[in-house]
Amino acid sequence: LSASYSRIMDTDYAAETAAQAKNNILQQAGTAVLAQANQTPQTVLTLLR
């Protein structure tokens, strides 16, 4: 229990915050790519009509 508590207290908050920000950006970029990929076929269909 003491080791677990020590590990929690020794967490590098700056590094963890930076890692979380990076992961959030990557997730948003992935979502944007998927949205664009889904939009492209609809655009083609609109142009063909």
N, C-alpha and C. Protein backbone atom coordinates (compact mmCIF):
# COMPACT_ATOMS: atom_id res chain seq x y z
N LEU A 1 0.83 -1.20 0.00
CA LEU A 1 0.00 0.00 0.00
C LEU A 1 0.87 1.26 0.00
N SER A 2 1.93 1.21 0.78
CA SER A 2 2.83 2.37 0.85
C SER A 2 3.50 2.62 -0.50
N ALA A 3 3.88 1.55 -1.19
CA ALA A 3 4.52 1.69 -2.50
C ALA A 3 3.54 2.29 -3.51
N SER A 4 2.30 1.85 -3.47
CA SER A 4 1.29 2.40 -4.37
C SER A 4 1.07 3.88 -4.12
N TYR A 5 0.99 4.23 -2.86
CA TYR A 5 0.80 5.64 -2.51
C TYR A 5 1.99 6.47 -2.98
N SER A 6 3.19 5.94 -2.78
CA SER A 6 4.39 6.65 -3.20
C SER A 6 4.40 6.85 -4.71
N ARG A 7 3.98 5.83 -5.44
CA ARG A 7 3.96 5.93 -6.90
C ARG A 7 2.96 6.98 -7.36
N ILE A 8 1.82 7.04 -6.70
CA ILE A 8 0.82 8.05 -7.03
C ILE A 8 1.37 9.45 -6.74
N MET A 9 2.02 9.60 -5.62
CA MET A 9 2.54 10.90 -5.24
C MET A 9 3.70 11.35 -6.14
N ASP A 10 4.43 10.39 -6.72
CA ASP A 10 5.58 10.71 -7.56
C ASP A 10 5.22 10.92 -9.02
N THR A 11 3.95 10.88 -9.35
CA THR A 11 3.52 11.05 -10.73
C THR A 11 3.98 12.40 -11.25
N ASP A 12 4.54 12.38 -12.45
CA ASP A 12 4.98 13.62 -13.09
C ASP A 12 3.76 14.23 -13.78
N TYR A 13 3.14 15.17 -13.10
CA TYR A 13 1.89 15.74 -13.60
C TYR A 13 2.07 16.47 -14.92
N ALA A 14 3.20 17.13 -15.10
CA ALA A 14 3.44 17.85 -16.35
C ALA A 14 3.51 16.86 -17.51
N ALA A 15 4.22 15.77 -17.33
CA ALA A 15 4.35 14.77 -18.39
C ALA A 15 3.00 14.11 -18.67
N GLU A 16 2.26 13.81 -17.63
CA GLU A 16 0.96 13.18 -17.82
C GLU A 16 -0.03 14.12 -18.50
N THR A 17 0.01 15.39 -18.15
CA THR A 17 -0.86 16.37 -18.79
C THR A 17 -0.51 16.52 -20.26
N ALA A 18 0.78 16.56 -20.57
CA ALA A 18 1.22 16.66 -21.96
C ALA A 18 0.80 15.42 -22.75
N ALA A 19 0.94 14.26 -22.15
CA ALA A 19 0.53 13.01 -22.82
C ALA A 19 -0.97 13.00 -23.07
N GLN A 20 -1.74 13.47 -22.11
CA GLN A 20 -3.20 13.52 -22.28
C GLN A 20 -3.58 14.50 -23.39
N ALA A 21 -2.91 15.65 -23.43
CA ALA A 21 -3.19 16.62 -24.49
C ALA A 21 -2.86 16.04 -25.86
N LYS A 22 -1.73 15.34 -25.94
CA LYS A 22 -1.33 14.70 -27.20
C LYS A 22 -2.38 13.68 -27.64
N ASN A 23 -2.82 12.86 -26.71
CA ASN A 23 -3.81 11.84 -27.04
C ASN A 23 -5.15 12.46 -27.46
N ASN A 24 -5.53 13.55 -26.82
CA ASN A 24 -6.76 14.24 -27.20
C ASN A 24 -6.66 14.79 -28.62
N ILE A 25 -5.51 15.37 -28.96
CA ILE A 25 -5.31 15.90 -30.31
C ILE A 25 -5.35 14.78 -31.34
N LEU A 26 -4.69 13.66 -31.03
CA LEU A 26 -4.70 12.53 -31.96
C LEU A 26 -6.11 11.98 -32.15
N GLN A 27 -6.87 11.93 -31.08
CA GLN A 27 -8.25 11.45 -31.18
C GLN A 27 -9.09 12.38 -32.04
N GLN A 28 -8.94 13.68 -31.84
CA GLN A 28 -9.70 14.65 -32.63
C GLN A 28 -9.29 14.59 -34.09
N ALA A 29 -8.00 14.41 -34.36
CA ALA A 29 -7.54 14.30 -35.74
C ALA A 29 -8.12 13.06 -36.40
N GLY A 30 -8.14 11.95 -35.67
CA GLY A 30 -8.71 10.72 -36.20
C GLY A 30 -10.19 10.87 -36.50
N THR A 31 -10.90 11.54 -35.62
CA THR A 31 -12.32 11.78 -35.84
C THR A 31 -12.54 12.66 -37.07
N ALA A 32 -11.69 13.67 -37.24
CA ALA A 32 -11.81 14.55 -38.40
C ALA A 32 -11.54 13.79 -39.70
N VAL A 33 -10.55 12.91 -39.67
CA VAL A 33 -10.23 12.11 -40.86
C VAL A 33 -11.41 11.21 -41.22
N LEU A 34 -11.99 10.57 -40.22
CA LEU A 34 -13.15 9.70 -40.48
C LEU A 34 -14.34 10.50 -41.00
N ALA A 35 -14.55 11.67 -40.45
CA ALA A 35 -15.65 12.52 -40.92
C ALA A 35 -15.43 12.91 -42.37
N GLN A 36 -14.20 13.26 -42.72
CA GLN A 36 -13.89 13.64 -44.10
C GLN A 36 -14.05 12.44 -45.03
N ALA A 37 -13.61 11.27 -44.58
CA ALA A 37 -13.74 10.07 -45.40
C ALA A 37 -15.21 9.73 -45.64
N ASN A 38 -16.05 9.97 -44.65
CA ASN A 38 -17.48 9.71 -44.81
C ASN A 38 -18.15 10.76 -45.68
N GLN A 39 -17.62 11.96 -45.69
CA GLN A 39 -18.22 13.05 -46.46
C GLN A 39 -17.90 12.93 -47.95
N THR A 40 -16.74 12.42 -48.30
CA THR A 40 -16.30 12.37 -49.70
C THR A 40 -17.27 11.61 -50.60
N PRO A 41 -17.71 10.40 -50.26
CA PRO A 41 -18.66 9.72 -51.13
C PRO A 41 -19.97 10.49 -51.30
N GLN A 42 -20.41 11.15 -50.26
CA GLN A 42 -21.64 11.94 -50.36
C GLN A 42 -21.45 13.11 -51.32
N THR A 43 -20.28 13.70 -51.30
CA THR A 43 -19.98 14.81 -52.22
C THR A 43 -19.99 14.32 -53.66
N VAL A 44 -19.40 13.16 -53.90
CA VAL A 44 -19.37 12.59 -55.24
C VAL A 44 -20.79 12.31 -55.73
N LEU A 45 -21.61 11.74 -54.87
CA LEU A 45 -22.99 11.47 -55.25
C LEU A 45 -23.75 12.75 -55.57
N THR A 46 -23.50 13.78 -54.80
CA THR A 46 -24.16 15.07 -55.05
C THR A 46 -23.74 15.62 -56.41
N LEU A 47 -22.47 15.50 -56.74
CA LEU A 47 -21.98 16.00 -58.03
C LEU A 47 -22.56 15.21 -59.19
N LEU A 48 -22.80 13.92 -58.98
CA LEU A 48 -23.32 13.08 -60.06
C LEU A 48 -24.81 13.31 -60.31
N ARG A 49 -25.51 13.87 -59.36
CA ARG A 49 -26.96 14.07 -59.51
C ARG A 49 -27.28 15.23 -60.39
